[in-house]
Amino acid sequence: MSSGHFKQDLFTQFARVGKALANANRLELIEFLAQGERSVDELARVAGLSVA
């Protein structure tokens, strides 16, 4: 793999992470998970979703 191809793949992965973190709801869930293990029910409650 060439250096240029490696860099492009790396930047693509960074962009994917950035897109995932660009949502306020996702950031709230990540912050909640950073405080400790949580159940699906707890995550759903924080996100305002139902568990189906």
PDB file of N, CA and C in Angstrom:
ATOM      1  N   MET A   1       0.856  -1.179   0.000  1.00  0.00           N
ATOM      2  CA  MET A   1       0.000   0.000   0.000  1.00  0.00           C
ATOM      3  C   MET A   1       0.894   1.231   0.000  1.00  0.00           C
ATOM      4  N   SER A   2       0.592   2.143  -0.890  1.00  0.00           N
ATOM      5  CA  SER A   2       1.401   3.352  -0.970  1.00  0.00           C
ATOM      6  C   SER A   2       1.062   4.294   0.177  1.00  0.00           C
ATOM      7  N   SER A   3       1.987   5.185   0.451  1.00  0.00           N
ATOM      8  CA  SER A   3       1.796   6.158   1.526  1.00  0.00           C
ATOM      9  C   SER A   3       0.569   7.030   1.265  1.00  0.00           C
ATOM     10  N   GLY A   4       0.386   7.421   0.022  1.00  0.00           N
ATOM     11  CA  GLY A   4      -0.763   8.254  -0.327  1.00  0.00           C
ATOM     12  C   GLY A   4      -2.077   7.527  -0.123  1.00  0.00           C
ATOM     13  N   HIS A   5      -2.105   6.238  -0.492  1.00  0.00           N
ATOM     14  CA  HIS A   5      -3.318   5.436  -0.311  1.00  0.00           C
ATOM     15  C   HIS A   5      -3.600   5.242   1.170  1.00  0.00           C
ATOM     16  N   PHE A   6      -2.555   4.990   1.952  1.00  0.00           N
ATOM     17  CA  PHE A   6      -2.720   4.817   3.396  1.00  0.00           C
ATOM     18  C   PHE A   6      -3.299   6.081   4.021  1.00  0.00           C
ATOM     19  N   LYS A   7      -2.757   7.229   3.643  1.00  0.00           N
ATOM     20  CA  LYS A   7      -3.242   8.499   4.187  1.00  0.00           C
ATOM     21  C   LYS A   7      -4.709   8.722   3.833  1.00  0.00           C
ATOM     22  N   GLN A   8      -5.056   8.429   2.586  1.00  0.00           N
ATOM     23  CA  GLN A   8      -6.444   8.618   2.155  1.00  0.00           C
ATOM     24  C   GLN A   8      -7.379   7.725   2.967  1.00  0.00           C
ATOM     25  N   ASP A   9      -6.997   6.470   3.189  1.00  0.00           N
ATOM     26  CA  ASP A   9      -7.810   5.558   3.999  1.00  0.00           C
ATOM     27  C   ASP A   9      -7.925   6.058   5.436  1.00  0.00           C
ATOM     28  N   LEU A  10      -6.832   6.561   5.975  1.00  0.00           N
ATOM     29  CA  LEU A  10      -6.830   7.085   7.333  1.00  0.00           C
ATOM     30  C   LEU A  10      -7.766   8.288   7.451  1.00  0.00           C
ATOM     31  N   PHE A  11      -7.684   9.196   6.503  1.00  0.00           N
ATOM     32  CA  PHE A  11      -8.544  10.378   6.524  1.00  0.00           C
ATOM     33  C   PHE A  11     -10.013  10.003   6.342  1.00  0.00           C
ATOM     34  N   THR A  12     -10.267   8.987   5.550  1.00  0.00           N
ATOM     35  CA  THR A  12     -11.643   8.509   5.382  1.00  0.00           C
ATOM     36  C   THR A  12     -12.188   7.996   6.700  1.00  0.00           C
ATOM     37  N   GLN A  13     -11.368   7.263   7.441  1.00  0.00           N
ATOM     38  CA  GLN A  13     -11.796   6.759   8.748  1.00  0.00           C
ATOM     39  C   GLN A  13     -12.023   7.911   9.728  1.00  0.00           C
ATOM     40  N   PHE A  14     -11.160   8.902   9.721  1.00  0.00           N
ATOM     41  CA  PHE A  14     -11.351  10.079  10.580  1.00  0.00           C
ATOM     42  C   PHE A  14     -12.673  10.775  10.247  1.00  0.00           C
ATOM     43  N   ALA A  15     -12.972  10.887   8.967  1.00  0.00           N
ATOM     44  CA  ALA A  15     -14.217  11.535   8.548  1.00  0.00           C
ATOM     45  C   ALA A  15     -15.428  10.753   9.040  1.00  0.00           C
ATOM     46  N   ARG A  16     -15.347   9.431   9.014  1.00  0.00           N
ATOM     47  CA  ARG A  16     -16.455   8.606   9.510  1.00  0.00           C
ATOM     48  C   ARG A  16     -16.669   8.821  11.007  1.00  0.00           C
ATOM     49  N   VAL A  17     -15.591   8.889  11.744  1.00  0.00           N
ATOM     50  CA  VAL A  17     -15.708   9.138  13.187  1.00  0.00           C
ATOM     51  C   VAL A  17     -16.305  10.525  13.416  1.00  0.00           C
ATOM     52  N   GLY A  18     -15.837  11.494  12.663  1.00  0.00           N
ATOM     53  CA  GLY A  18     -16.365  12.848  12.790  1.00  0.00           C
ATOM     54  C   GLY A  18     -17.858  12.911  12.511  1.00  0.00           C
ATOM     55  N   LYS A  19     -18.312  12.189  11.486  1.00  0.00           N
ATOM     56  CA  LYS A  19     -19.741  12.166  11.180  1.00  0.00           C
ATOM     57  C   LYS A  19     -20.524  11.537  12.320  1.00  0.00           C
ATOM     58  N   ALA A  20     -19.988  10.481  12.899  1.00  0.00           N
ATOM     59  CA  ALA A  20     -20.680   9.804  14.003  1.00  0.00           C
ATOM     60  C   ALA A  20     -20.794  10.716  15.214  1.00  0.00           C
ATOM     61  N   LEU A  21     -19.781  11.521  15.456  1.00  0.00           N
ATOM     62  CA  LEU A  21     -19.777  12.406  16.620  1.00  0.00           C
ATOM     63  C   LEU A  21     -20.471  13.737  16.357  1.00  0.00           C
ATOM     64  N   ALA A  22     -20.886  13.974  15.135  1.00  0.00           N
ATOM     65  CA  ALA A  22     -21.495  15.250  14.778  1.00  0.00           C
ATOM     66  C   ALA A  22     -22.957  15.346  15.199  1.00  0.00           C
ATOM     67  N   ASN A  23     -23.474  14.301  15.789  1.00  0.00           N
ATOM     68  CA  ASN A  23     -24.870  14.282  16.216  1.00  0.00           C
ATOM     69  C   ASN A  23     -24.939  14.481  17.724  1.00  0.00           C
ATOM     70  N   ALA A  24     -25.682  15.478  18.161  1.00  0.00           N
ATOM     71  CA  ALA A  24     -25.760  15.800  19.590  1.00  0.00           C
ATOM     72  C   ALA A  24     -26.317  14.645  20.416  1.00  0.00           C
ATOM     73  N   ASN A  25     -27.273  13.916  19.868  1.00  0.00           N
ATOM     74  CA  ASN A  25     -27.839  12.779  20.605  1.00  0.00           C
ATOM     75  C   ASN A  25     -26.797  11.688  20.829  1.00  0.00           C
ATOM     76  N   ARG A  26     -25.987  11.429  19.820  1.00  0.00           N
ATOM     77  CA  ARG A  26     -24.933  10.421  19.962  1.00  0.00           C
ATOM     78  C   ARG A  26     -23.904  10.857  20.999  1.00  0.00           C
ATOM     79  N   LEU A  27     -23.553  12.134  20.973  1.00  0.00           N
ATOM     80  CA  LEU A  27     -22.597  12.640  21.961  1.00  0.00           C
ATOM     81  C   LEU A  27     -23.147  12.509  23.376  1.00  0.00           C
ATOM     82  N   GLU A  28     -24.435  12.755  23.538  1.00  0.00           N
ATOM     83  CA  GLU A  28     -25.052  12.610  24.854  1.00  0.00           C
ATOM     84  C   GLU A  28     -24.973  11.158  25.327  1.00  0.00           C
ATOM     85  N   LEU A  29     -25.228  10.214  24.428  1.00  0.00           N
ATOM     86  CA  LEU A  29     -25.136   8.801  24.794  1.00  0.00           C
ATOM     87  C   LEU A  29     -23.700   8.401  25.119  1.00  0.00           C
ATOM     88  N   ILE A  30     -22.742   8.916  24.358  1.00  0.00           N
ATOM     89  CA  ILE A  30     -21.334   8.613  24.629  1.00  0.00           C
ATOM     90  C   ILE A  30     -20.936   9.147  25.996  1.00  0.00           C
ATOM     91  N   GLU A  31     -21.375  10.360  26.313  1.00  0.00           N
ATOM     92  CA  GLU A  31     -21.072  10.944  27.621  1.00  0.00           C
ATOM     93  C   GLU A  31     -21.704  10.112  28.738  1.00  0.00           C
ATOM     94  N   PHE A  32     -22.919   9.651  28.525  1.00  0.00           N
ATOM     95  CA  PHE A  32     -23.618   8.819  29.503  1.00  0.00           C
ATOM     96  C   PHE A  32     -22.880   7.492  29.699  1.00  0.00           C
ATOM     97  N   LEU A  33     -22.426   6.886  28.602  1.00  0.00           N
ATOM     98  CA  LEU A  33     -21.683   5.625  28.680  1.00  0.00           C
ATOM     99  C   LEU A  33     -20.315   5.809  29.331  1.00  0.00           C
ATOM    100  N   ALA A  34     -19.733   6.991  29.181  1.00  0.00           N
ATOM    101  CA  ALA A  34     -18.419   7.253  29.775  1.00  0.00           C
ATOM    102  C   ALA A  34     -18.479   7.238  31.297  1.00  0.00           C
ATOM    103  N   GLN A  35     -19.664   7.422  31.855  1.00  0.00           N
ATOM    104  CA  GLN A  35     -19.831   7.411  33.307  1.00  0.00           C
ATOM    105  C   GLN A  35     -19.878   5.994  33.870  1.00  0.00           C
ATOM    106  N   GLY A  36     -20.045   5.011  33.023  1.00  0.00           N
ATOM    107  CA  GLY A  36     -20.086   3.621  33.480  1.00  0.00           C
ATOM    108  C   GLY A  36     -20.997   2.788  32.604  1.00  0.00           C
ATOM    109  N   GLU A  37     -21.035   1.495  32.909  1.00  0.00           N
ATOM    110  CA  GLU A  37     -21.879   0.585  32.142  1.00  0.00           C
ATOM    111  C   GLU A  37     -23.343   0.965  32.302  1.00  0.00           C
ATOM    112  N   ARG A  38     -24.082   0.841  31.223  1.00  0.00           N
ATOM    113  CA  ARG A  38     -25.504   1.177  31.219  1.00  0.00           C
ATOM    114  C   ARG A  38     -26.279   0.078  30.502  1.00  0.00           C
ATOM    115  N   SER A  39     -27.502  -0.107  30.916  1.00  0.00           N
ATOM    116  CA  SER A  39     -28.362  -1.079  30.242  1.00  0.00           C
ATOM    117  C   SER A  39     -28.981  -0.432  29.007  1.00  0.00           C
ATOM    118  N   VAL A  40     -29.514  -1.264  28.147  1.00  0.00           N
ATOM    119  CA  VAL A  40     -30.204  -0.761  26.965  1.00  0.00           C
ATOM    120  C   VAL A  40     -31.395   0.093  27.388  1.00  0.00           C
ATOM    121  N   ASP A  41     -32.080  -0.328  28.436  1.00  0.00           N
ATOM    122  CA  ASP A  41     -33.222   0.452  28.926  1.00  0.00           C
ATOM    123  C   ASP A  41     -32.797   1.852  29.362  1.00  0.00           C
ATOM    124  N   GLU A  42     -31.662   1.951  30.047  1.00  0.00           N
ATOM    125  CA  GLU A  42     -31.166   3.261  30.485  1.00  0.00           C
ATOM    126  C   GLU A  42     -30.808   4.137  29.283  1.00  0.00           C
ATOM    127  N   LEU A  43     -30.143   3.540  28.296  1.00  0.00           N
ATOM    128  CA  LEU A  43     -29.773   4.300  27.101  1.00  0.00           C
ATOM    129  C   LEU A  43     -31.015   4.775  26.353  1.00  0.00           C
ATOM    130  N   ALA A  44     -32.002   3.916  26.251  1.00  0.00           N
ATOM    131  CA  ALA A  44     -33.244   4.290  25.575  1.00  0.00           C
ATOM    132  C   ALA A  44     -33.931   5.433  26.307  1.00  0.00           C
ATOM    133  N   ARG A  45     -33.932   5.377  27.629  1.00  0.00           N
ATOM    134  CA  ARG A  45     -34.564   6.442  28.412  1.00  0.00           C
ATOM    135  C   ARG A  45     -33.866   7.775  28.159  1.00  0.00           C
ATOM    136  N   VAL A  46     -32.540   7.773  28.192  1.00  0.00           N
ATOM    137  CA  VAL A  46     -31.773   9.002  27.957  1.00  0.00           C
ATOM    138  C   VAL A  46     -32.025   9.537  26.545  1.00  0.00           C
ATOM    139  N   ALA A  47     -32.127   8.617  25.589  1.00  0.00           N
ATOM    140  CA  ALA A  47     -32.324   9.020  24.198  1.00  0.00           C
ATOM    141  C   ALA A  47     -33.782   9.336  23.880  1.00  0.00           C
ATOM    142  N   GLY A  48     -34.672   9.024  24.821  1.00  0.00           N
ATOM    143  CA  GLY A  48     -36.088   9.260  24.563  1.00  0.00           C
ATOM    144  C   GLY A  48     -36.678   8.281  23.573  1.00  0.00           C
ATOM    145  N   LEU A  49     -36.139   7.055  23.560  1.00  0.00           N
ATOM    146  CA  LEU A  49     -36.607   6.018  22.642  1.00  0.00           C
ATOM    147  C   LEU A  49     -37.227   4.870  23.416  1.00  0.00           C
ATOM    148  N   SER A  50     -37.976   4.050  22.707  1.00  0.00           N
ATOM    149  CA  SER A  50     -38.526   2.856  23.348  1.00  0.00           C
ATOM    150  C   SER A  50     -37.672   1.655  22.969  1.00  0.00           C
ATOM    151  N   VAL A  51     -37.683   0.659  23.824  1.00  0.00           N
ATOM    152  CA  VAL A  51     -36.965  -0.581  23.548  1.00  0.00           C
ATOM    153  C   VAL A  51     -37.977  -1.557  22.964  1.00  0.00           C
ATOM    154  N   ALA A  52     -37.724  -1.976  21.747  1.00  0.00           N
ATOM    155  CA  ALA A  52     -38.673  -2.892  21.098  1.00  0.00           C
ATOM    156  C   ALA A  52     -38.079  -4.271  20.957  1.00  0.00           C
TER     157      ALA A  52
END
